[in-house]
Amino acid sequence: MPEPVPSATPTSERSAQPAPWWSFGMVWFMLSGPALVVVAGFATLAICIKYPDVELHETPAVVVTRAPAANPPAQSATWQPGEAATISGH
């Protein structure tokens, strides 16, 4: 019966080698965030292509000017030039 051939590396050195990167769950957890963002970007692009925004054509606002009032609002006795006047005139 032939003797078993000794391997080039001892058994203790073979078990000391680190596991490959894809065998760790934390790697997949860290890669899942950016991967989800890319998928969401493509989903948003598909929605934008399928349902484009409707182009709105608004008419310009018409400015209505009124004639000055015949009787301006009465000012209080304490009113000073430069004060902001309110709608009620106080």
N, C-alpha and C. Protein backbone atom coordinates (compact mmCIF):
# COMPACT_ATOMS: atom_id res chain seq x y z
N MET A 1 0.84 -1.16 0.00
CA MET A 1 0.00 0.00 0.00
C MET A 1 0.90 1.24 0.00
N PRO A 2 0.62 2.16 -0.95
CA PRO A 2 1.49 3.33 -1.02
C PRO A 2 1.17 4.33 0.09
N GLU A 3 2.18 5.05 0.49
CA GLU A 3 2.00 6.08 1.52
C GLU A 3 1.33 7.31 0.91
N PRO A 4 0.49 8.01 1.67
CA PRO A 4 -0.13 9.23 1.15
C PRO A 4 0.94 10.30 0.92
N VAL A 5 0.78 11.02 -0.16
CA VAL A 5 1.75 12.07 -0.50
C VAL A 5 1.43 13.29 0.34
N PRO A 6 2.43 13.81 1.03
CA PRO A 6 2.17 15.00 1.85
C PRO A 6 1.90 16.20 0.93
N SER A 7 0.95 17.03 1.34
CA SER A 7 0.62 18.21 0.52
C SER A 7 1.69 19.28 0.70
N ALA A 8 1.72 20.22 -0.22
CA ALA A 8 2.73 21.27 -0.19
C ALA A 8 2.50 22.22 0.98
N THR A 9 1.25 22.43 1.37
CA THR A 9 0.99 23.31 2.50
C THR A 9 0.39 22.49 3.63
N PRO A 10 0.83 22.77 4.81
CA PRO A 10 0.26 22.04 5.95
C PRO A 10 -1.22 22.39 6.14
N THR A 11 -1.93 21.51 6.83
CA THR A 11 -3.36 21.70 7.06
C THR A 11 -3.64 22.98 7.82
N SER A 12 -2.82 23.36 8.76
CA SER A 12 -3.06 24.56 9.56
C SER A 12 -2.97 25.81 8.69
N GLU A 13 -2.13 25.82 7.67
CA GLU A 13 -2.02 26.99 6.80
C GLU A 13 -3.21 27.07 5.85
N ARG A 14 -3.75 25.95 5.42
CA ARG A 14 -4.91 25.95 4.54
C ARG A 14 -6.13 26.53 5.25
N SER A 15 -6.31 26.23 6.50
CA SER A 15 -7.46 26.73 7.24
C SER A 15 -7.29 28.20 7.62
N ALA A 16 -6.10 28.74 7.56
CA ALA A 16 -5.86 30.13 7.94
C ALA A 16 -6.15 31.09 6.79
N GLN A 17 -6.41 30.59 5.60
CA GLN A 17 -6.69 31.48 4.48
C GLN A 17 -8.06 32.12 4.68
N PRO A 18 -8.15 33.43 4.40
CA PRO A 18 -9.45 34.10 4.60
C PRO A 18 -10.47 33.64 3.56
N ALA A 19 -11.71 33.74 3.94
CA ALA A 19 -12.80 33.37 3.03
C ALA A 19 -12.90 34.42 1.92
N PRO A 20 -13.42 34.06 0.77
CA PRO A 20 -13.58 35.05 -0.31
C PRO A 20 -14.56 36.15 0.09
N TRP A 21 -14.44 37.31 -0.54
CA TRP A 21 -15.22 38.48 -0.16
C TRP A 21 -16.72 38.25 -0.33
N TRP A 22 -17.12 37.46 -1.30
CA TRP A 22 -18.55 37.28 -1.55
C TRP A 22 -19.24 36.38 -0.53
N SER A 23 -18.47 35.78 0.34
CA SER A 23 -19.09 34.91 1.34
C SER A 23 -19.52 35.66 2.60
N PHE A 24 -19.24 36.96 2.68
CA PHE A 24 -19.61 37.75 3.84
C PHE A 24 -20.92 38.50 3.56
N GLY A 25 -21.85 38.39 4.46
CA GLY A 25 -23.15 39.04 4.30
C GLY A 25 -23.07 40.55 4.33
N MET A 26 -22.12 41.10 5.09
CA MET A 26 -22.01 42.56 5.20
C MET A 26 -21.65 43.18 3.84
N VAL A 27 -20.91 42.48 3.02
CA VAL A 27 -20.55 43.00 1.70
C VAL A 27 -21.82 43.18 0.87
N TRP A 28 -22.69 42.19 0.87
CA TRP A 28 -23.92 42.27 0.10
C TRP A 28 -24.86 43.33 0.67
N PHE A 29 -24.84 43.49 1.98
CA PHE A 29 -25.65 44.53 2.61
C PHE A 29 -25.17 45.91 2.16
N MET A 30 -23.87 46.14 2.13
CA MET A 30 -23.31 47.43 1.74
C MET A 30 -23.53 47.70 0.24
N LEU A 31 -23.51 46.68 -0.58
CA LEU A 31 -23.72 46.86 -2.01
C LEU A 31 -25.20 47.01 -2.37
N SER A 32 -26.09 46.58 -1.49
CA SER A 32 -27.51 46.63 -1.81
C SER A 32 -28.04 48.06 -1.86
N GLY A 33 -27.51 48.97 -1.05
CA GLY A 33 -27.98 50.37 -1.06
C GLY A 33 -27.77 51.04 -2.41
N PRO A 34 -26.53 51.11 -2.89
CA PRO A 34 -26.32 51.71 -4.21
C PRO A 34 -27.03 50.96 -5.33
N ALA A 35 -27.15 49.65 -5.22
CA ALA A 35 -27.84 48.89 -6.26
C ALA A 35 -29.33 49.26 -6.30
N LEU A 36 -29.95 49.46 -5.14
CA LEU A 36 -31.35 49.87 -5.10
C LEU A 36 -31.54 51.27 -5.68
N VAL A 37 -30.57 52.16 -5.47
CA VAL A 37 -30.66 53.50 -6.03
C VAL A 37 -30.60 53.45 -7.55
N VAL A 38 -29.76 52.61 -8.10
CA VAL A 38 -29.67 52.46 -9.56
C VAL A 38 -30.98 51.90 -10.11
N VAL A 39 -31.55 50.91 -9.45
CA VAL A 39 -32.82 50.33 -9.90
C VAL A 39 -33.92 51.39 -9.83
N ALA A 40 -33.96 52.17 -8.76
CA ALA A 40 -34.97 53.22 -8.62
C ALA A 40 -34.79 54.28 -9.70
N GLY A 41 -33.56 54.58 -10.07
CA GLY A 41 -33.32 55.55 -11.14
C GLY A 41 -33.86 55.06 -12.47
N PHE A 42 -33.66 53.80 -12.78
CA PHE A 42 -34.19 53.25 -14.03
C PHE A 42 -35.72 53.19 -13.99
N ALA A 43 -36.30 52.89 -12.83
CA ALA A 43 -37.76 52.89 -12.71
C ALA A 43 -38.31 54.30 -12.92
N THR A 44 -37.66 55.30 -12.38
CA THR A 44 -38.08 56.68 -12.57
C THR A 44 -37.96 57.08 -14.03
N LEU A 45 -36.89 56.68 -14.69
CA LEU A 45 -36.71 56.97 -16.11
C LEU A 45 -37.82 56.34 -16.93
N ALA A 46 -38.18 55.10 -16.61
CA ALA A 46 -39.25 54.42 -17.34
C ALA A 46 -40.58 55.15 -17.16
N ILE A 47 -40.86 55.61 -15.95
CA ILE A 47 -42.10 56.35 -15.69
C ILE A 47 -42.11 57.66 -16.47
N CYS A 48 -40.96 58.35 -16.49
CA CYS A 48 -40.88 59.63 -17.21
C CYS A 48 -41.05 59.44 -18.71
N ILE A 49 -40.54 58.36 -19.25
CA ILE A 49 -40.67 58.12 -20.68
C ILE A 49 -42.11 57.71 -21.02
N LYS A 50 -42.72 56.89 -20.18
CA LYS A 50 -44.06 56.40 -20.47
C LYS A 50 -45.13 57.48 -20.26
N TYR A 51 -44.98 58.31 -19.24
CA TYR A 51 -45.96 59.34 -18.91
C TYR A 51 -45.28 60.71 -18.88
N PRO A 52 -45.00 61.31 -20.04
CA PRO A 52 -44.33 62.62 -20.03
C PRO A 52 -45.26 63.70 -19.49
N ASP A 53 -44.67 64.77 -18.98
CA ASP A 53 -45.46 65.88 -18.47
C ASP A 53 -46.21 66.56 -19.60
N VAL A 54 -47.38 67.05 -19.27
CA VAL A 54 -48.19 67.76 -20.25
C VAL A 54 -47.68 69.20 -20.31
N GLU A 55 -47.52 69.71 -21.53
CA GLU A 55 -47.04 71.07 -21.68
C GLU A 55 -48.20 72.03 -21.44
N LEU A 56 -47.99 72.97 -20.52
CA LEU A 56 -49.04 73.92 -20.18
C LEU A 56 -48.80 75.23 -20.90
N HIS A 57 -49.85 75.79 -21.47
CA HIS A 57 -49.78 77.10 -22.10
C HIS A 57 -50.72 78.01 -21.34
N GLU A 58 -50.15 78.88 -20.56
CA GLU A 58 -50.96 79.79 -19.76
C GLU A 58 -51.02 81.14 -20.45
N THR A 59 -52.17 81.77 -20.38
CA THR A 59 -52.28 83.11 -20.93
C THR A 59 -51.70 84.08 -19.92
N PRO A 60 -51.08 85.15 -20.38
CA PRO A 60 -50.51 86.09 -19.43
C PRO A 60 -51.60 86.77 -18.60
N ALA A 61 -51.28 87.08 -17.39
CA ALA A 61 -52.25 87.71 -16.50
C ALA A 61 -52.55 89.12 -17.01
N VAL A 62 -53.80 89.47 -16.97
CA VAL A 62 -54.23 90.80 -17.40
C VAL A 62 -54.20 91.70 -16.18
N VAL A 63 -53.48 92.80 -16.30
CA VAL A 63 -53.38 93.73 -15.18
C VAL A 63 -54.54 94.71 -15.30
N VAL A 64 -55.34 94.75 -14.25
CA VAL A 64 -56.49 95.65 -14.23
C VAL A 64 -56.11 96.85 -13.39
N THR A 65 -56.19 98.01 -14.01
CA THR A 65 -55.91 99.24 -13.26
C THR A 65 -57.23 99.90 -12.95
N ARG A 66 -57.32 100.38 -11.75
CA ARG A 66 -58.55 101.06 -11.33
C ARG A 66 -58.29 102.55 -11.27
N ALA A 67 -59.32 103.26 -11.48
CA ALA A 67 -59.22 104.71 -11.35
C ALA A 67 -59.05 105.05 -9.87
N PRO A 68 -58.31 106.10 -9.56
CA PRO A 68 -58.15 106.46 -8.15
C PRO A 68 -59.50 106.78 -7.51
N ALA A 69 -59.61 106.42 -6.27
CA ALA A 69 -60.87 106.64 -5.55
C ALA A 69 -61.13 108.14 -5.41
N ALA A 70 -62.40 108.48 -5.47
CA ALA A 70 -62.77 109.89 -5.35
C ALA A 70 -62.44 110.40 -3.96
N ASN A 71 -62.67 109.59 -2.96
CA ASN A 71 -62.37 109.98 -1.58
C ASN A 71 -61.29 109.04 -1.05
N PRO A 72 -60.05 109.48 -0.94
CA PRO A 72 -59.01 108.61 -0.40
C PRO A 72 -59.32 108.26 1.05
N PRO A 73 -58.81 107.12 1.53
CA PRO A 73 -59.10 106.75 2.92
C PRO A 73 -58.57 107.81 3.88
N ALA A 74 -59.33 108.01 4.92
CA ALA A 74 -58.93 109.00 5.93
C ALA A 74 -57.72 108.50 6.69
N GLN A 75 -56.82 109.42 6.98
CA GLN A 75 -55.61 109.07 7.71
C GLN A 75 -55.78 109.50 9.16
N SER A 76 -55.18 108.75 10.04
CA SER A 76 -55.29 109.10 11.45
C SER A 76 -54.48 110.35 11.73
N ALA A 77 -54.75 110.96 12.85
CA ALA A 77 -54.07 112.20 13.21
C ALA A 77 -52.59 111.97 13.49
N THR A 78 -52.21 110.73 13.81
CA THR A 78 -50.81 110.45 14.14
C THR A 78 -50.02 109.92 12.96
N TRP A 79 -50.64 109.92 11.77
CA TRP A 79 -49.97 109.37 10.60
C TRP A 79 -48.81 110.26 10.21
N GLN A 80 -47.69 109.64 9.88
CA GLN A 80 -46.51 110.35 9.45
C GLN A 80 -46.15 109.90 8.04
N PRO A 81 -45.60 110.77 7.22
CA PRO A 81 -45.17 110.34 5.89
C PRO A 81 -44.13 109.22 6.00
N GLY A 82 -44.22 108.24 5.15
CA GLY A 82 -43.31 107.12 5.17
C GLY A 82 -43.84 105.92 5.92
N GLU A 83 -44.92 106.08 6.67
CA GLU A 83 -45.50 104.93 7.37
C GLU A 83 -46.26 104.09 6.37
N ALA A 84 -46.28 102.80 6.61
CA ALA A 84 -47.03 101.92 5.73
C ALA A 84 -48.50 102.04 6.07
N ALA A 85 -49.30 102.27 5.04
CA ALA A 85 -50.73 102.37 5.24
C ALA A 85 -51.35 100.98 5.10
N THR A 86 -52.32 100.70 5.90
CA THR A 86 -53.00 99.41 5.82
C THR A 86 -54.28 99.60 5.02
N ILE A 87 -54.96 98.51 4.75
CA ILE A 87 -56.19 98.57 3.96
C ILE A 87 -57.24 99.38 4.67
N SER A 88 -57.30 99.28 5.98
CA SER A 88 -58.33 100.01 6.71
C SER A 88 -57.99 101.49 6.84
N GLY A 89 -56.77 101.89 6.50
CA GLY A 89 -56.40 103.29 6.58
C GLY A 89 -55.87 103.69 7.95
N HIS A 90 -55.63 102.75 8.81
CA HIS A 90 -55.13 103.08 10.16
C HIS A 90 -53.65 102.87 10.25
